Amino acid sequence: MAASGRRTALDPAAVWGAWAPGLRTHVPDCGHFRPQERPAEVVVALRELLAA
Protein backbone atom coordinates (compact mmCIF):
# COMPACT_ATOMS: atom_id res chain seq x y z
CA MET A 1 0.00 0.00 0.00
CA ALA A 2 1.23 3.48 -0.80
CA ALA A 3 -0.46 6.51 0.71
CA SER A 4 -0.19 10.18 -0.10
CA GLY A 5 -2.28 13.27 0.53
CA ARG A 6 -4.04 15.06 -2.30
CA ARG A 7 -2.30 18.30 -1.34
CA THR A 8 1.16 16.87 -1.98
CA ALA A 9 2.95 16.62 -5.31
CA LEU A 10 3.67 12.90 -4.93
CA ASP A 11 1.60 10.44 -6.95
CA PRO A 12 2.37 7.08 -5.30
CA ALA A 13 0.90 5.02 -8.14
CA ALA A 14 3.12 6.77 -10.70
CA VAL A 15 6.24 6.55 -8.53
CA TRP A 16 5.93 2.98 -7.20
CA GLY A 17 3.63 1.28 -9.73
CA ALA A 18 6.45 -0.02 -11.91
CA TRP A 19 8.07 -1.82 -8.96
CA ALA A 20 4.87 -2.99 -7.31
CA PRO A 21 2.37 -4.35 -9.86
CA GLY A 22 -0.24 -5.13 -7.16
CA LEU A 23 0.07 -1.71 -5.57
CA ARG A 24 -3.02 -0.32 -3.90
CA THR A 25 -3.14 3.38 -3.15
CA HIS A 26 -5.12 5.54 -0.77
CA VAL A 27 -5.13 9.30 -1.32
CA PRO A 28 -7.18 11.22 1.25
CA ASP A 29 -7.84 14.94 0.92
CA CYS A 30 -5.04 16.17 3.17
CA GLY A 31 -1.40 17.19 3.26
CA HIS A 32 1.66 15.06 3.92
CA PHE A 33 0.94 13.89 7.51
CA ARG A 34 -2.11 11.69 7.03
CA PRO A 35 -2.32 10.10 10.51
CA GLN A 36 -2.75 13.52 12.11
CA GLU A 37 -4.96 15.11 9.46
CA ARG A 38 -7.23 12.13 8.59
CA PRO A 39 -6.79 9.48 11.32
CA ALA A 40 -10.08 7.67 10.64
CA GLU A 41 -9.28 7.25 6.92
CA VAL A 42 -5.81 5.94 7.75
CA VAL A 43 -7.26 3.36 10.16
CA VAL A 44 -9.77 2.17 7.55
CA ALA A 45 -7.05 1.87 4.87
CA LEU A 46 -4.75 -0.07 7.21
CA ARG A 47 -7.53 -2.42 8.29
CA GLU A 48 -8.37 -3.16 4.65
CA LEU A 49 -4.71 -3.82 3.89
CA LEU A 50 -4.23 -6.12 6.87
CA ALA A 51 -7.46 -8.00 6.18
CA ALA A 52 -6.38 -8.79 2.59
PDB file of N, CA and C in Angstrom:
ATOM      1  N   MET A   1       0.845  -1.169   0.000  1.00  0.00           N
ATOM      2  CA  MET A   1       0.000   0.000   0.000  1.00  0.00           C
ATOM      3  C   MET A   1       0.887   1.228   0.000  1.00  0.00           C
ATOM      4  N   ALA A   2       0.545   2.198  -0.800  1.00  0.00           N
ATOM      5  CA  ALA A   2       1.227   3.483  -0.797  1.00  0.00           C
ATOM      6  C   ALA A   2       0.184   4.544  -0.514  1.00  0.00           C
ATOM      7  N   ALA A   3       0.497   5.459   0.354  1.00  0.00           N
ATOM      8  CA  ALA A   3      -0.456   6.507   0.709  1.00  0.00           C
ATOM      9  C   ALA A   3       0.180   7.871   0.504  1.00  0.00           C
ATOM     10  N   SER A   4      -0.639   8.808   0.091  1.00  0.00           N
ATOM     11  CA  SER A   4      -0.188  10.180  -0.104  1.00  0.00           C
ATOM     12  C   SER A   4      -1.395  11.082   0.036  1.00  0.00           C
ATOM     13  N   GLY A   5      -1.184  12.309   0.452  1.00  0.00           N
ATOM     14  CA  GLY A   5      -2.278  13.268   0.534  1.00  0.00           C
ATOM     15  C   GLY A   5      -2.499  13.962  -0.791  1.00  0.00           C
ATOM     16  N   ARG A   6      -3.719  14.371  -1.044  1.00  0.00           N
ATOM     17  CA  ARG A   6      -4.037  15.064  -2.302  1.00  0.00           C
ATOM     18  C   ARG A   6      -3.316  16.399  -2.421  1.00  0.00           C
ATOM     19  N   ARG A   7      -2.955  16.998  -1.299  1.00  0.00           N
ATOM     20  CA  ARG A   7      -2.304  18.301  -1.336  1.00  0.00           C
ATOM     21  C   ARG A   7      -0.788  18.209  -1.467  1.00  0.00           C
ATOM     22  N   THR A   8      -0.276  17.033  -1.747  1.00  0.00           N
ATOM     23  CA  THR A   8       1.162  16.870  -1.976  1.00  0.00           C
ATOM     24  C   THR A   8       1.400  16.598  -3.451  1.00  0.00           C
ATOM     25  N   ALA A   9       2.624  16.798  -3.894  1.00  0.00           N
ATOM     26  CA  ALA A   9       2.946  16.621  -5.312  1.00  0.00           C
ATOM     27  C   ALA A   9       3.201  15.160  -5.672  1.00  0.00           C
ATOM     28  N   LEU A  10       3.343  14.297  -4.681  1.00  0.00           N
ATOM     29  CA  LEU A  10       3.674  12.897  -4.926  1.00  0.00           C
ATOM     30  C   LEU A  10       2.460  12.107  -5.397  1.00  0.00           C
ATOM     31  N   ASP A  11       2.628  11.374  -6.477  1.00  0.00           N
ATOM     32  CA  ASP A  11       1.604  10.439  -6.950  1.00  0.00           C
ATOM     33  C   ASP A  11       2.170   9.040  -6.728  1.00  0.00           C
ATOM     34  N   PRO A  12       1.766   8.355  -5.633  1.00  0.00           N
ATOM     35  CA  PRO A  12       2.375   7.077  -5.300  1.00  0.00           C
ATOM     36  C   PRO A  12       2.214   6.019  -6.390  1.00  0.00           C
ATOM     37  N   ALA A  13       1.110   6.010  -7.083  1.00  0.00           N
ATOM     38  CA  ALA A  13       0.904   5.021  -8.145  1.00  0.00           C
ATOM     39  C   ALA A  13       1.904   5.228  -9.281  1.00  0.00           C
ATOM     40  N   ALA A  14       2.166   6.480  -9.629  1.00  0.00           N
ATOM     41  CA  ALA A  14       3.119   6.772 -10.699  1.00  0.00           C
ATOM     42  C   ALA A  14       4.552   6.460 -10.274  1.00  0.00           C
ATOM     43  N   VAL A  15       4.873   6.756  -9.022  1.00  0.00           N
ATOM     44  CA  VAL A  15       6.236   6.549  -8.530  1.00  0.00           C
ATOM     45  C   VAL A  15       6.542   5.078  -8.297  1.00  0.00           C
ATOM     46  N   TRP A  16       5.653   4.348  -7.630  1.00  0.00           N
ATOM     47  CA  TRP A  16       5.927   2.978  -7.203  1.00  0.00           C
ATOM     48  C   TRP A  16       5.283   1.902  -8.061  1.00  0.00           C
ATOM     49  N   GLY A  17       4.368   2.262  -8.938  1.00  0.00           N
ATOM     50  CA  GLY A  17       3.627   1.284  -9.728  1.00  0.00           C
ATOM     51  C   GLY A  17       4.484   0.341 -10.553  1.00  0.00           C
ATOM     52  N   ALA A  18       5.577   0.829 -11.089  1.00  0.00           N
ATOM     53  CA  ALA A  18       6.448  -0.021 -11.912  1.00  0.00           C
ATOM     54  C   ALA A  18       7.129  -1.113 -11.087  1.00  0.00           C
ATOM     55  N   TRP A  19       7.392  -0.848  -9.827  1.00  0.00           N
ATOM     56  CA  TRP A  19       8.073  -1.819  -8.965  1.00  0.00           C
ATOM     57  C   TRP A  19       7.104  -2.683  -8.165  1.00  0.00           C
ATOM     58  N   ALA A  20       5.854  -2.258  -8.106  1.00  0.00           N
ATOM     59  CA  ALA A  20       4.867  -2.991  -7.308  1.00  0.00           C
ATOM     60  C   ALA A  20       3.591  -3.159  -8.118  1.00  0.00           C
ATOM     61  N   PRO A  21       3.520  -4.185  -8.980  1.00  0.00           N
ATOM     62  CA  PRO A  21       2.369  -4.352  -9.863  1.00  0.00           C
ATOM     63  C   PRO A  21       1.025  -4.466  -9.129  1.00  0.00           C
ATOM     64  N   GLY A  22       1.006  -5.001  -7.923  1.00  0.00           N
ATOM     65  CA  GLY A  22      -0.244  -5.134  -7.163  1.00  0.00           C
ATOM     66  C   GLY A  22      -0.486  -3.984  -6.208  1.00  0.00           C
ATOM     67  N   LEU A  23       0.153  -2.861  -6.455  1.00  0.00           N
ATOM     68  CA  LEU A  23       0.073  -1.709  -5.568  1.00  0.00           C
ATOM     69  C   LEU A  23      -1.355  -1.211  -5.421  1.00  0.00           C
ATOM     70  N   ARG A  24      -1.745  -0.977  -4.186  1.00  0.00           N
ATOM     71  CA  ARG A  24      -3.017  -0.317  -3.896  1.00  0.00           C
ATOM     72  C   ARG A  24      -2.688   1.031  -3.284  1.00  0.00           C
ATOM     73  N   THR A  25      -3.405   2.052  -3.685  1.00  0.00           N
ATOM     74  CA  THR A  25      -3.136   3.384  -3.152  1.00  0.00           C
ATOM     75  C   THR A  25      -4.348   3.925  -2.417  1.00  0.00           C
ATOM     76  N   HIS A  26      -4.071   4.827  -1.500  1.00  0.00           N
ATOM     77  CA  HIS A  26      -5.118   5.536  -0.770  1.00  0.00           C
ATOM     78  C   HIS A  26      -4.685   6.990  -0.715  1.00  0.00           C
ATOM     79  N   VAL A  27      -5.499   7.889  -1.245  1.00  0.00           N
ATOM     80  CA  VAL A  27      -5.126   9.297  -1.319  1.00  0.00           C
ATOM     81  C   VAL A  27      -6.239  10.146  -0.701  1.00  0.00           C
ATOM     82  N   PRO A  28      -6.172  10.375   0.619  1.00  0.00           N
ATOM     83  CA  PRO A  28      -7.183  11.217   1.255  1.00  0.00           C
ATOM     84  C   PRO A  28      -6.956  12.698   0.931  1.00  0.00           C
ATOM     85  N   ASP A  29      -7.943  13.503   1.177  1.00  0.00           N
ATOM     86  CA  ASP A  29      -7.844  14.940   0.925  1.00  0.00           C
ATOM     87  C   ASP A  29      -7.150  15.596   2.117  1.00  0.00           C
ATOM     88  N   CYS A  30      -5.815  15.582   2.085  1.00  0.00           N
ATOM     89  CA  CYS A  30      -5.037  16.175   3.169  1.00  0.00           C
ATOM     90  C   CYS A  30      -3.632  16.459   2.678  1.00  0.00           C
ATOM     91  N   GLY A  31      -2.794  16.918   3.583  1.00  0.00           N
ATOM     92  CA  GLY A  31      -1.397  17.193   3.263  1.00  0.00           C
ATOM     93  C   GLY A  31      -0.538  15.963   3.443  1.00  0.00           C
ATOM     94  N   HIS A  32       0.708  16.166   3.876  1.00  0.00           N
ATOM     95  CA  HIS A  32       1.661  15.058   3.922  1.00  0.00           C
ATOM     96  C   HIS A  32       1.581  14.212   5.190  1.00  0.00           C
ATOM     97  N   PHE A  33       0.961  14.672   6.274  1.00  0.00           N
ATOM     98  CA  PHE A  33       0.936  13.888   7.511  1.00  0.00           C
ATOM     99  C   PHE A  33      -0.462  13.332   7.749  1.00  0.00           C
ATOM    100  N   ARG A  34      -0.774  12.273   7.022  1.00  0.00           N
ATOM    101  CA  ARG A  34      -2.108  11.690   7.030  1.00  0.00           C
ATOM    102  C   ARG A  34      -2.606  11.232   8.394  1.00  0.00           C
ATOM    103  N   PRO A  35      -1.798  10.577   9.229  1.00  0.00           N
ATOM    104  CA  PRO A  35      -2.321  10.100  10.513  1.00  0.00           C
ATOM    105  C   PRO A  35      -2.853  11.219  11.409  1.00  0.00           C
ATOM    106  N   GLN A  36      -2.283  12.396  11.297  1.00  0.00           N
ATOM    107  CA  GLN A  36      -2.750  13.515  12.113  1.00  0.00           C
ATOM    108  C   GLN A  36      -3.948  14.211  11.468  1.00  0.00           C
ATOM    109  N   GLU A  37      -3.924  14.353  10.156  1.00  0.00           N
ATOM    110  CA  GLU A  37      -4.958  15.106   9.459  1.00  0.00           C
ATOM    111  C   GLU A  37      -6.223  14.295   9.182  1.00  0.00           C
ATOM    112  N   ARG A  38      -6.100  12.999   8.914  1.00  0.00           N
ATOM    113  CA  ARG A  38      -7.233  12.125   8.592  1.00  0.00           C
ATOM    114  C   ARG A  38      -7.073  10.770   9.281  1.00  0.00           C
ATOM    115  N   PRO A  39      -7.057  10.745  10.612  1.00  0.00           N
ATOM    116  CA  PRO A  39      -6.790   9.483  11.315  1.00  0.00           C
ATOM    117  C   PRO A  39      -7.794   8.379  11.007  1.00  0.00           C
ATOM    118  N   ALA A  40      -9.063   8.706  10.894  1.00  0.00           N
ATOM    119  CA  ALA A  40     -10.078   7.668  10.636  1.00  0.00           C
ATOM    120  C   ALA A  40      -9.856   7.011   9.271  1.00  0.00           C
ATOM    121  N   GLU A  41      -9.524   7.802   8.251  1.00  0.00           N
ATOM    122  CA  GLU A  41      -9.283   7.248   6.919  1.00  0.00           C
ATOM    123  C   GLU A  41      -8.041   6.358   6.913  1.00  0.00           C
ATOM    124  N   VAL A  42      -7.022   6.741   7.672  1.00  0.00           N
ATOM    125  CA  VAL A  42      -5.808   5.937   7.753  1.00  0.00           C
ATOM    126  C   VAL A  42      -6.109   4.593   8.411  1.00  0.00           C
ATOM    127  N   VAL A  43      -6.895   4.606   9.471  1.00  0.00           N
ATOM    128  CA  VAL A  43      -7.263   3.365  10.157  1.00  0.00           C
ATOM    129  C   VAL A  43      -8.034   2.436   9.220  1.00  0.00           C
ATOM    130  N   VAL A  44      -8.991   2.977   8.485  1.00  0.00           N
ATOM    131  CA  VAL A  44      -9.768   2.165   7.548  1.00  0.00           C
ATOM    132  C   VAL A  44      -8.852   1.562   6.479  1.00  0.00           C
ATOM    133  N   ALA A  45      -7.963   2.372   5.914  1.00  0.00           N
ATOM    134  CA  ALA A  45      -7.054   1.871   4.873  1.00  0.00           C
ATOM    135  C   ALA A  45      -6.134   0.784   5.405  1.00  0.00           C
ATOM    136  N   LEU A  46      -5.620   0.944   6.619  1.00  0.00           N
ATOM    137  CA  LEU A  46      -4.753  -0.067   7.206  1.00  0.00           C
ATOM    138  C   LEU A  46      -5.505  -1.348   7.520  1.00  0.00           C
ATOM    139  N   ARG A  47      -6.720  -1.216   8.014  1.00  0.00           N
ATOM    140  CA  ARG A  47      -7.528  -2.420   8.290  1.00  0.00           C
ATOM    141  C   ARG A  47      -7.809  -3.200   7.017  1.00  0.00           C
ATOM    142  N   GLU A  48      -8.124  -2.493   5.931  1.00  0.00           N
ATOM    143  CA  GLU A  48      -8.373  -3.157   4.654  1.00  0.00           C
ATOM    144  C   GLU A  48      -7.108  -3.856   4.160  1.00  0.00           C
ATOM    145  N   LEU A  49      -5.971  -3.215   4.320  1.00  0.00           N
ATOM    146  CA  LEU A  49      -4.708  -3.818   3.891  1.00  0.00           C
ATOM    147  C   LEU A  49      -4.408  -5.078   4.709  1.00  0.00           C
ATOM    148  N   LEU A  50      -4.544  -4.988   6.019  1.00  0.00           N
ATOM    149  CA  LEU A  50      -4.225  -6.118   6.871  1.00  0.00           C
ATOM    150  C   LEU A  50      -5.217  -7.257   6.750  1.00  0.00           C
ATOM    151  N   ALA A  51      -6.440  -6.962   6.343  1.00  0.00           N
ATOM    152  CA  ALA A  51      -7.460  -8.003   6.176  1.00  0.00           C
ATOM    153  C   ALA A  51      -7.283  -8.756   4.858  1.00  0.00           C
ATOM    154  N   ALA A  52      -6.551  -8.163   3.921  1.00  0.00           N
ATOM    155  CA  ALA A  52      -6.383  -8.788   2.594  1.00  0.00           C
ATOM    156  C   ALA A  52      -5.448  -9.970   2.644  1.00  0.00           C
TER     157      ALA A  52
END
